[in-house]
PDB file of N, CA and C in Angstrom:
ATOM      1  N   UNK A   1      49.834 -34.614  51.914  1.00  0.00           N
ATOM      2  CA  UNK A   1      49.391 -33.915  53.098  1.00  0.00           C
ATOM      3  C   UNK A   1      47.882 -34.048  53.203  1.00  0.00           C
ATOM      4  N   UNK A   2      47.392 -34.517  54.290  1.00  0.00           N
ATOM      5  CA  UNK A   2      45.955 -34.646  54.500  1.00  0.00           C
ATOM      6  C   UNK A   2      45.527 -33.642  55.552  1.00  0.00           C
ATOM      7  N   UNK A   3      44.604 -32.773  55.171  1.00  0.00           N
ATOM      8  CA  UNK A   3      44.202 -31.695  56.058  1.00  0.00           C
ATOM      9  C   UNK A   3      43.035 -32.102  56.945  1.00  0.00           C
ATOM     10  N   UNK A   4      42.012 -32.659  56.352  1.00  0.00           N
ATOM     11  CA  UNK A   4      40.860 -33.108  57.131  1.00  0.00           C
ATOM     12  C   UNK A   4      40.132 -34.189  56.356  1.00  0.00           C
ATOM     13  N   UNK A   5      39.160 -34.780  56.989  1.00  0.00           N
ATOM     14  CA  UNK A   5      38.385 -35.855  56.374  1.00  0.00           C
ATOM     15  C   UNK A   5      37.701 -35.402  55.095  1.00  0.00           C
ATOM     16  N   UNK A   6      37.287 -34.132  55.034  1.00  0.00           N
ATOM     17  CA  UNK A   6      36.532 -33.633  53.890  1.00  0.00           C
ATOM     18  C   UNK A   6      37.364 -32.747  52.960  1.00  0.00           C
ATOM     19  N   UNK A   7      38.647 -32.712  53.134  1.00  0.00           N
ATOM     20  CA  UNK A   7      39.518 -31.878  52.327  1.00  0.00           C
ATOM     21  C   UNK A   7      39.659 -32.431  50.915  1.00  0.00           C
ATOM     22  N   UNK A   8      39.721 -31.522  49.954  1.00  0.00           N
ATOM     23  CA  UNK A   8      39.968 -31.908  48.568  1.00  0.00           C
ATOM     24  C   UNK A   8      41.328 -32.536  48.389  1.00  0.00           C
ATOM     25  N   UNK A   9      42.278 -32.191  49.265  1.00  0.00           N
ATOM     26  CA  UNK A   9      43.613 -32.761  49.157  1.00  0.00           C
ATOM     27  C   UNK A   9      43.620 -34.265  49.399  1.00  0.00           C
ATOM     28  N   UNK A  10      42.631 -34.771  50.062  1.00  0.00           N
ATOM     29  CA  UNK A  10      42.559 -36.211  50.301  1.00  0.00           C
ATOM     30  C   UNK A  10      42.223 -36.986  49.028  1.00  0.00           C
ATOM     31  N   UNK A  11      41.793 -36.290  48.002  1.00  0.00           N
ATOM     32  CA  UNK A  11      41.346 -36.939  46.772  1.00  0.00           C
ATOM     33  C   UNK A  11      42.393 -36.900  45.650  1.00  0.00           C
ATOM     34  N   UNK A  12      43.589 -36.434  45.945  1.00  0.00           N
ATOM     35  CA  UNK A  12      44.627 -36.344  44.927  1.00  0.00           C
ATOM     36  C   UNK A  12      45.084 -37.715  44.464  1.00  0.00           C
ATOM     37  N   UNK A  13      45.372 -37.808  43.179  1.00  0.00           N
ATOM     38  CA  UNK A  13      45.934 -39.033  42.616  1.00  0.00           C
ATOM     39  C   UNK A  13      47.235 -38.637  41.921  1.00  0.00           C
ATOM     40  N   UNK A  14      48.317 -39.270  42.272  1.00  0.00           N
ATOM     41  CA  UNK A  14      49.608 -38.978  41.660  1.00  0.00           C
ATOM     42  C   UNK A  14      49.642 -39.589  40.262  1.00  0.00           C
ATOM     43  N   UNK A  15      49.657 -38.733  39.246  1.00  0.00           N
ATOM     44  CA  UNK A  15      49.676 -39.219  37.861  1.00  0.00           C
ATOM     45  C   UNK A  15      51.064 -39.101  37.236  1.00  0.00           C
ATOM     46  N   UNK A  16      52.043 -38.664  38.015  1.00  0.00           N
ATOM     47  CA  UNK A  16      53.367 -38.388  37.459  1.00  0.00           C
ATOM     48  C   UNK A  16      54.033 -39.606  36.824  1.00  0.00           C
ATOM     49  N   UNK A  17      53.711 -40.795  37.252  1.00  0.00           N
ATOM     50  CA  UNK A  17      54.298 -42.001  36.664  1.00  0.00           C
ATOM     51  C   UNK A  17      53.273 -42.878  35.966  1.00  0.00           C
ATOM     52  N   UNK A  18      52.163 -42.286  35.543  1.00  0.00           N
ATOM     53  CA  UNK A  18      51.135 -43.019  34.811  1.00  0.00           C
ATOM     54  C   UNK A  18      51.325 -42.796  33.320  1.00  0.00           C
ATOM     55  N   UNK A  19      51.545 -43.871  32.588  1.00  0.00           N
ATOM     56  CA  UNK A  19      51.795 -43.770  31.152  1.00  0.00           C
ATOM     57  C   UNK A  19      50.644 -43.091  30.415  1.00  0.00           C
ATOM     58  N   UNK A  20      49.416 -43.288  30.865  1.00  0.00           N
ATOM     59  CA  UNK A  20      48.267 -42.697  30.174  1.00  0.00           C
ATOM     60  C   UNK A  20      48.300 -41.167  30.192  1.00  0.00           C
ATOM     61  N   UNK A  21      49.044 -40.564  31.106  1.00  0.00           N
ATOM     62  CA  UNK A  21      49.164 -39.112  31.179  1.00  0.00           C
ATOM     63  C   UNK A  21      50.541 -38.637  30.714  1.00  0.00           C
ATOM     64  N   UNK A  22      51.282 -39.497  30.064  1.00  0.00           N
ATOM     65  CA  UNK A  22      52.656 -39.198  29.685  1.00  0.00           C
ATOM     66  C   UNK A  22      52.834 -38.028  28.735  1.00  0.00           C
ATOM     67  N   UNK A  23      51.800 -37.686  27.977  1.00  0.00           N
ATOM     68  CA  UNK A  23      51.919 -36.591  27.011  1.00  0.00           C
ATOM     69  C   UNK A  23      51.233 -35.309  27.471  1.00  0.00           C
ATOM     70  N   UNK A  24      50.847 -35.260  28.712  1.00  0.00           N
ATOM     71  CA  UNK A  24      50.058 -34.126  29.198  1.00  0.00           C
ATOM     72  C   UNK A  24      50.877 -32.845  29.365  1.00  0.00           C
ATOM     73  N   UNK A  25      52.187 -32.956  29.465  1.00  0.00           N
ATOM     74  CA  UNK A  25      53.024 -31.792  29.776  1.00  0.00           C
ATOM     75  C   UNK A  25      53.775 -31.225  28.587  1.00  0.00           C
ATOM     76  N   UNK A  26      53.245 -31.397  27.397  1.00  0.00           N
ATOM     77  CA  UNK A  26      53.903 -30.842  26.221  1.00  0.00           C
ATOM     78  C   UNK A  26      53.096 -31.126  24.977  1.00  0.00           C
ATOM     79  N   UNK A  27      53.634 -30.725  23.832  1.00  0.00           N
ATOM     80  CA  UNK A  27      52.977 -30.951  22.545  1.00  0.00           C
ATOM     81  C   UNK A  27      53.669 -32.087  21.815  1.00  0.00           C
ATOM     82  N   UNK A  28      52.906 -33.031  21.298  1.00  0.00           N
ATOM     83  CA  UNK A  28      53.457 -34.066  20.429  1.00  0.00           C
ATOM     84  C   UNK A  28      53.699 -33.447  19.056  1.00  0.00           C
ATOM     85  N   UNK A  29      54.399 -34.158  18.201  1.00  0.00           N
ATOM     86  CA  UNK A  29      54.637 -33.676  16.839  1.00  0.00           C
ATOM     87  C   UNK A  29      53.313 -33.426  16.126  1.00  0.00           C
ATOM     88  N   UNK A  30      52.406 -34.376  16.257  1.00  0.00           N
ATOM     89  CA  UNK A  30      51.093 -34.272  15.597  1.00  0.00           C
ATOM     90  C   UNK A  30      50.319 -33.055  16.112  1.00  0.00           C
ATOM     91  N   UNK A  31      50.332 -32.833  17.414  1.00  0.00           N
ATOM     92  CA  UNK A  31      49.629 -31.683  17.993  1.00  0.00           C
ATOM     93  C   UNK A  31      50.237 -30.374  17.507  1.00  0.00           C
ATOM     94  N   UNK A  32      51.564 -30.301  17.499  1.00  0.00           N
ATOM     95  CA  UNK A  32      52.238 -29.085  17.050  1.00  0.00           C
ATOM     96  C   UNK A  32      51.830 -28.748  15.620  1.00  0.00           C
ATOM     97  N   UNK A  33      51.910 -29.731  14.742  1.00  0.00           N
ATOM     98  CA  UNK A  33      51.601 -29.501  13.334  1.00  0.00           C
ATOM     99  C   UNK A  33      50.128 -29.203  13.109  1.00  0.00           C
ATOM    100  N   UNK A  34      49.264 -29.686  13.965  1.00  0.00           N
ATOM    101  CA  UNK A  34      47.836 -29.443  13.834  1.00  0.00           C
ATOM    102  C   UNK A  34      47.425 -28.098  14.447  1.00  0.00           C
ATOM    103  N   UNK A  35      47.743 -27.886  15.705  1.00  0.00           N
ATOM    104  CA  UNK A  35      47.302 -26.692  16.422  1.00  0.00           C
ATOM    105  C   UNK A  35      47.983 -25.411  15.950  1.00  0.00           C
ATOM    106  N   UNK A  36      49.225 -25.522  15.513  1.00  0.00           N
ATOM    107  CA  UNK A  36      50.012 -24.337  15.172  1.00  0.00           C
ATOM    108  C   UNK A  36      50.335 -24.252  13.681  1.00  0.00           C
ATOM    109  N   UNK A  37      49.536 -24.926  12.876  1.00  0.00           N
ATOM    110  CA  UNK A  37      49.793 -25.019  11.441  1.00  0.00           C
ATOM    111  C   UNK A  37      50.048 -23.650  10.805  1.00  0.00           C
ATOM    112  N   UNK A  38      49.197 -22.681  11.071  1.00  0.00           N
ATOM    113  CA  UNK A  38      49.355 -21.360  10.437  1.00  0.00           C
ATOM    114  C   UNK A  38      50.615 -20.632  10.918  1.00  0.00           C
ATOM    115  N   UNK A  39      51.069 -20.910  12.133  1.00  0.00           N
ATOM    116  CA  UNK A  39      52.264 -20.263  12.664  1.00  0.00           C
ATOM    117  C   UNK A  39      53.549 -20.912  12.170  1.00  0.00           C
ATOM    118  N   UNK A  40      53.425 -22.138  11.666  1.00  0.00           N
ATOM    119  CA  UNK A  40      54.603 -22.892  11.219  1.00  0.00           C
ATOM    120  C   UNK A  40      54.905 -22.715   9.739  1.00  0.00           C
ATOM    121  N   UNK A  41      54.013 -22.066   9.018  1.00  0.00           N
ATOM    122  CA  UNK A  41      54.216 -21.886   7.574  1.00  0.00           C
ATOM    123  C   UNK A  41      55.517 -21.147   7.304  1.00  0.00           C
ATOM    124  N   UNK A  42      56.327 -21.722   6.424  1.00  0.00           N
ATOM    125  CA  UNK A  42      57.592 -21.111   6.046  1.00  0.00           C
ATOM    126  C   UNK A  42      58.734 -21.360   7.012  1.00  0.00           C
ATOM    127  N   UNK A  43      58.480 -22.103   8.066  1.00  0.00           N
ATOM    128  CA  UNK A  43      59.525 -22.391   9.049  1.00  0.00           C
ATOM    129  C   UNK A  43      60.087 -23.790   8.829  1.00  0.00           C
ATOM    130  N   UNK A  44      61.304 -24.001   9.264  1.00  0.00           N
ATOM    131  CA  UNK A  44      61.981 -25.280   9.119  1.00  0.00           C
ATOM    132  C   UNK A  44      61.588 -26.205  10.274  1.00  0.00           C
ATOM    133  N   UNK A  45      60.678 -27.144  10.030  1.00  0.00           N
ATOM    134  CA  UNK A  45      60.189 -28.038  11.083  1.00  0.00           C
ATOM    135  C   UNK A  45      61.285 -28.923  11.661  1.00  0.00           C
ATOM    136  N   UNK A  46      62.230 -29.327  10.853  1.00  0.00           N
ATOM    137  CA  UNK A  46      63.321 -30.170  11.355  1.00  0.00           C
ATOM    138  C   UNK A  46      64.202 -29.400  12.336  1.00  0.00           C
ATOM    139  N   UNK A  47      64.467 -28.152  12.041  1.00  0.00           N
ATOM    140  CA  UNK A  47      65.279 -27.339  12.948  1.00  0.00           C
ATOM    141  C   UNK A  47      64.520 -27.066  14.251  1.00  0.00           C
ATOM    142  N   UNK A  48      63.228 -26.807  14.140  1.00  0.00           N
ATOM    143  CA  UNK A  48      62.393 -26.606  15.331  1.00  0.00           C
ATOM    144  C   UNK A  48      62.404 -27.873  16.183  1.00  0.00           C
ATOM    145  N   UNK A  49      62.303 -29.010  15.512  1.00  0.00           N
ATOM    146  CA  UNK A  49      62.322 -30.301  16.214  1.00  0.00           C
ATOM    147  C   UNK A  49      63.655 -30.517  16.925  1.00  0.00           C
ATOM    148  N   UNK A  50      64.748 -30.186  16.256  1.00  0.00           N
ATOM    149  CA  UNK A  50      66.075 -30.328  16.872  1.00  0.00           C
ATOM    150  C   UNK A  50      66.205 -29.473  18.124  1.00  0.00           C
ATOM    151  N   UNK A  51      65.641 -28.294  18.090  1.00  0.00           N
ATOM    152  CA  UNK A  51      65.751 -27.377  19.222  1.00  0.00           C
ATOM    153  C   UNK A  51      64.817 -27.719  20.368  1.00  0.00           C
ATOM    154  N   UNK A  52      63.565 -28.052  20.069  1.00  0.00           N
ATOM    155  CA  UNK A  52      62.537 -28.055  21.121  1.00  0.00           C
ATOM    156  C   UNK A  52      61.792 -29.363  21.357  1.00  0.00           C
ATOM    157  N   UNK A  53      62.079 -30.403  20.595  1.00  0.00           N
ATOM    158  CA  UNK A  53      61.365 -31.664  20.788  1.00  0.00           C
ATOM    159  C   UNK A  53      62.336 -32.677  21.356  1.00  0.00           C
ATOM    160  N   UNK A  54      62.309 -32.847  22.682  1.00  0.00           N
ATOM    161  CA  UNK A  54      63.292 -33.767  23.209  1.00  0.00           C
ATOM    162  C   UNK A  54      63.073 -34.246  24.620  1.00  0.00           C
ATOM    163  N   UNK A  55      61.976 -33.919  25.237  1.00  0.00           N
ATOM    164  CA  UNK A  55      61.778 -34.477  26.568  1.00  0.00           C
ATOM    165  C   UNK A  55      60.520 -35.328  26.576  1.00  0.00           C
ATOM    166  N   UNK A  56      60.460 -36.243  27.515  1.00  0.00           N
ATOM    167  CA  UNK A  56      59.304 -37.141  27.545  1.00  0.00           C
ATOM    168  C   UNK A  56      59.012 -37.587  28.967  1.00  0.00           C
ATOM    169  N   UNK A  57      57.772 -37.968  29.147  1.00  0.00           N
ATOM    170  CA  UNK A  57      57.287 -38.487  30.418  1.00  0.00           C
ATOM    171  C   UNK A  57      56.574 -39.799  30.137  1.00  0.00           C
ATOM    172  N   UNK A  58      57.332 -40.852  29.919  1.00  0.00           N
ATOM    173  CA  UNK A  58      56.817 -42.212  29.752  1.00  0.00           C
ATOM    174  C   UNK A  58      56.102 -42.474  28.436  1.00  0.00           C
ATOM    175  N   UNK A  59      56.032 -41.504  27.532  1.00  0.00           N
ATOM    176  CA  UNK A  59      55.394 -41.746  26.234  1.00  0.00           C
ATOM    177  C   UNK A  59      56.221 -41.123  25.123  1.00  0.00           C
ATOM    178  N   UNK A  60      55.586 -40.310  24.305  1.00  0.00           N
ATOM    179  CA  UNK A  60      56.244 -39.714  23.140  1.00  0.00           C
ATOM    180  C   UNK A  60      57.209 -38.601  23.524  1.00  0.00           C
ATOM    181  N   UNK A  61      58.118 -38.283  22.595  1.00  0.00           N
ATOM    182  CA  UNK A  61      58.931 -37.086  22.774  1.00  0.00           C
ATOM    183  C   UNK A  61      57.998 -35.892  22.622  1.00  0.00           C
ATOM    184  N   UNK A  62      58.223 -34.884  23.467  1.00  0.00           N
ATOM    185  CA  UNK A  62      57.340 -33.728  23.495  1.00  0.00           C
ATOM    186  C   UNK A  62      58.094 -32.434  23.246  1.00  0.00           C
ATOM    187  N   UNK A  63      57.354 -31.461  22.729  1.00  0.00           N
ATOM    188  CA  UNK A  63      57.858 -30.097  22.630  1.00  0.00           C
ATOM    189  C   UNK A  63      57.533 -29.400  23.932  1.00  0.00           C
ATOM    190  N   UNK A  64      58.518 -28.717  24.479  1.00  0.00           N
ATOM    191  CA  UNK A  64      58.309 -27.936  25.683  1.00  0.00           C
ATOM    192  C   UNK A  64      57.365 -26.786  25.326  1.00  0.00           C
ATOM    193  N   UNK A  65      56.201 -26.684  25.974  1.00  0.00           N
ATOM    194  CA  UNK A  65      55.231 -25.641  25.611  1.00  0.00           C
ATOM    195  C   UNK A  65      55.783 -24.229  25.785  1.00  0.00           C
ATOM    196  N   UNK A  66      56.544 -23.993  26.835  1.00  0.00           N
ATOM    197  CA  UNK A  66      57.103 -22.670  27.080  1.00  0.00           C
ATOM    198  C   UNK A  66      58.034 -22.271  25.936  1.00  0.00           C
ATOM    199  N   UNK A  67      58.951 -23.158  25.580  1.00  0.00           N
ATOM    200  CA  UNK A  67      59.906 -22.877  24.511  1.00  0.00           C
ATOM    201  C   UNK A  67      59.226 -22.678  23.168  1.00  0.00           C
ATOM    202  N   UNK A  68      58.338 -23.572  22.809  1.00  0.00           N
ATOM    203  CA  UNK A  68      57.754 -23.516  21.464  1.00  0.00           C
ATOM    204  C   UNK A  68      56.881 -22.281  21.297  1.00  0.00           C
ATOM    205  N   UNK A  69      56.145 -21.897  22.332  1.00  0.00           N
ATOM    206  CA  UNK A  69      55.298 -20.704  22.229  1.00  0.00           C
ATOM    207  C   UNK A  69      56.138 -19.433  22.109  1.00  0.00           C
ATOM    208  N   UNK A  70      57.237 -19.357  22.855  1.00  0.00           N
ATOM    209  CA  UNK A  70      58.119 -18.190  22.735  1.00  0.00           C
ATOM    210  C   UNK A  70      58.832 -18.168  21.382  1.00  0.00           C
ATOM    211  N   UNK A  71      59.216 -19.346  20.892  1.00  0.00           N
ATOM    212  CA  UNK A  71      59.831 -19.390  19.560  1.00  0.00           C
ATOM    213  C   UNK A  71      58.848 -18.902  18.502  1.00  0.00           C
ATOM    214  N   UNK A  72      57.617 -19.373  18.549  1.00  0.00           N
ATOM    215  CA  UNK A  72      56.635 -18.971  17.545  1.00  0.00           C
ATOM    216  C   UNK A  72      56.325 -17.478  17.627  1.00  0.00           C
ATOM    217  N   UNK A  73      56.391 -16.916  18.817  1.00  0.00           N
ATOM    218  CA  UNK A  73      56.172 -15.471  18.967  1.00  0.00           C
ATOM    219  C   UNK A  73      57.372 -14.676  18.469  1.00  0.00           C
ATOM    220  N   UNK A  74      58.578 -15.090  18.875  1.00  0.00           N
ATOM    221  CA  UNK A  74      59.790 -14.327  18.566  1.00  0.00           C
ATOM    222  C   UNK A  74      60.423 -14.675  17.226  1.00  0.00           C
ATOM    223  N   UNK A  75      60.127 -15.870  16.711  1.00  0.00           N
ATOM    224  CA  UNK A  75      60.739 -16.371  15.467  1.00  0.00           C
ATOM    225  C   UNK A  75      62.255 -16.397  15.570  1.00  0.00           C
ATOM    226  N   UNK A  76      62.724 -16.756  16.752  1.00  0.00           N
ATOM    227  CA  UNK A  76      64.163 -16.794  17.005  1.00  0.00           C
ATOM    228  C   UNK A  76      64.467 -17.969  17.924  1.00  0.00           C
ATOM    229  N   UNK A  77      65.423 -18.807  17.528  1.00  0.00           N
ATOM    230  CA  UNK A  77      65.799 -19.939  18.361  1.00  0.00           C
ATOM    231  C   UNK A  77      66.554 -19.447  19.593  1.00  0.00           C
ATOM    232  N   UNK A  78      66.190 -19.988  20.735  1.00  0.00           N
ATOM    233  CA  UNK A  78      66.855 -19.621  21.977  1.00  0.00           C
ATOM    234  C   UNK A  78      66.512 -20.675  23.027  1.00  0.00           C
ATOM    235  N   UNK A  79      67.293 -20.718  24.093  1.00  0.00           N
ATOM    236  CA  UNK A  79      67.033 -21.632  25.207  1.00  0.00           C
ATOM    237  C   UNK A  79      66.122 -20.946  26.219  1.00  0.00           C
ATOM    238  N   UNK A  80      64.897 -20.703  25.842  1.00  0.00           N
ATOM    239  CA  UNK A  80      63.977 -19.936  26.674  1.00  0.00           C
ATOM    240  C   UNK A  80      63.757 -20.575  28.041  1.00  0.00           C
ATOM    241  N   UNK A  81      63.448 -21.848  28.056  1.00  0.00           N
ATOM    242  CA  UNK A  81      63.134 -22.522  29.321  1.00  0.00           C
ATOM    243  C   UNK A  81      64.345 -22.537  30.244  1.00  0.00           C
ATOM    244  N   UNK A  82      65.508 -22.793  29.687  1.00  0.00           N
ATOM    245  CA  UNK A  82      66.736 -22.825  30.482  1.00  0.00           C
ATOM    246  C   UNK A  82      66.957 -21.486  31.177  1.00  0.00           C
ATOM    247  N   UNK A  83      66.714 -20.415  30.472  1.00  0.00           N
ATOM    248  CA  UNK A  83      66.941 -19.083  31.038  1.00  0.00           C
ATOM    249  C   UNK A  83      66.022 -18.792  32.224  1.00  0.00           C
ATOM    250  N   UNK A  84      64.865 -19.415  32.277  1.00  0.00           N
ATOM    251  CA  UNK A  84      63.968 -19.181  33.412  1.00  0.00           C
ATOM    252  C   UNK A  84      64.493 -19.851  34.671  1.00  0.00           C
ATOM    253  N   UNK A  85      65.372 -20.834  34.516  1.00  0.00           N
ATOM    254  CA  UNK A  85      65.912 -21.545  35.667  1.00  0.00           C
ATOM    255  C   UNK A  85      67.146 -20.897  36.269  1.00  0.00           C
ATOM    256  N   UNK A  86      67.694 -19.904  35.603  1.00  0.00           N
ATOM    257  CA  UNK A  86      68.886 -19.218  36.116  1.00  0.00           C
ATOM    258  C   UNK A  86      68.436 -18.256  37.213  1.00  0.00           C
ATOM    259  N   UNK A  87      69.013 -18.344  38.368  1.00  0.00           N
ATOM    260  CA  UNK A  87      68.546 -17.541  39.510  1.00  0.00           C
ATOM    261  C   UNK A  87      69.036 -16.094  39.474  1.00  0.00           C
ATOM    262  N   UNK A  88      68.711 -15.364  38.406  1.00  0.00           N
ATOM    263  CA  UNK A  88      69.161 -13.968  38.290  1.00  0.00           C
ATOM    264  C   UNK A  88      68.644 -13.107  39.439  1.00  0.00           C
ATOM    265  N   UNK A  89      67.391 -13.297  39.800  1.00  0.00           N
ATOM    266  CA  UNK A  89      66.821 -12.509  40.884  1.00  0.00           C
ATOM    267  C   UNK A  89      67.621 -12.727  42.166  1.00  0.00           C
ATOM    268  N   UNK A  90      67.920 -13.978  42.463  1.00  0.00           N
ATOM    269  CA  UNK A  90      68.695 -14.307  43.658  1.00  0.00           C
ATOM    270  C   UNK A  90      70.082 -13.682  43.592  1.00  0.00           C
ATOM    271  N   UNK A  91      70.733 -13.792  42.452  1.00  0.00           N
ATOM    272  CA  UNK A  91      72.077 -13.238  42.300  1.00  0.00           C
ATOM    273  C   UNK A  91      72.088 -11.724  42.483  1.00  0.00           C
ATOM    274  N   UNK A  92      71.116 -11.028  41.883  1.00  0.00           N
ATOM    275  CA  UNK A  92      71.044  -9.566  42.017  1.00  0.00           C
ATOM    276  C   UNK A  92      70.776  -9.169  43.462  1.00  0.00           C
ATOM    277  N   UNK A  93      69.852  -9.876  44.110  1.00  0.00           N
ATOM    278  CA  UNK A  93      69.517  -9.576  45.506  1.00  0.00           C
ATOM    279  C   UNK A  93      70.721  -9.820  46.400  1.00  0.00           C
ATOM    280  N   UNK A  94      71.408 -10.911  46.172  1.00  0.00           N
ATOM    281  CA  UNK A  94      72.579 -11.260  46.963  1.00  0.00           C
ATOM    282  C   UNK A  94      73.675 -10.207  46.816  1.00  0.00           C
ATOM    283  N   UNK A  95      73.898  -9.713  45.596  1.00  0.00           N
ATOM    284  CA  UNK A  95      74.925  -8.689  45.356  1.00  0.00           C
ATOM    285  C   UNK A  95      74.587  -7.405  46.105  1.00  0.00           C
ATOM    286  N   UNK A  96      73.304  -7.010  46.082  1.00  0.00           N
ATOM    287  CA  UNK A  96      72.886  -5.778  46.759  1.00  0.00           C
ATOM    288  C   UNK A  96      73.119  -5.865  48.268  1.00  0.00           C
ATOM    289  N   UNK A  97      72.911  -7.012  48.837  1.00  0.00           N
ATOM    290  CA  UNK A  97      73.061  -7.164  50.276  1.00  0.00           C
ATOM    291  C   UNK A  97      74.519  -7.160  50.702  1.00  0.00           C
ATOM    292  N   UNK A  98      75.422  -7.516  49.816  1.00  0.00           N
ATOM    293  CA  UNK A  98      76.853  -7.541  50.146  1.00  0.00           C
ATOM    294  C   UNK A  98      77.458  -6.146  50.184  1.00  0.00           C
ATOM    295  N   UNK A  99      76.849  -5.208  49.524  1.00  0.00           N
ATOM    296  CA  UNK A  99      77.408  -3.851  49.443  1.00  0.00           C
ATOM    297  C   UNK A  99      77.183  -3.078  50.705  1.00  0.00           C
TER     298      UNK A  99
END
């Protein structure tokens, strides 16, 4: 969308399919082990990897930042990201309107 000649939107560059930015949307294995070293002590890295390291954007497999941060806070494996995609708000609102 171009708004005007001087709009900042005219300067956008689509990086979604650029390999050089392929790791921008998550943590690599190396980043996880480096940045979160103190939080990972005593935890099973292989199990964490099985749960949360599995998506990629043209480069390495990445850890979903939302999932891994909630796991490190809660210390409990769960499908955190998946649960955010369930339209509970919509379902509750829809039920209220039917009554």
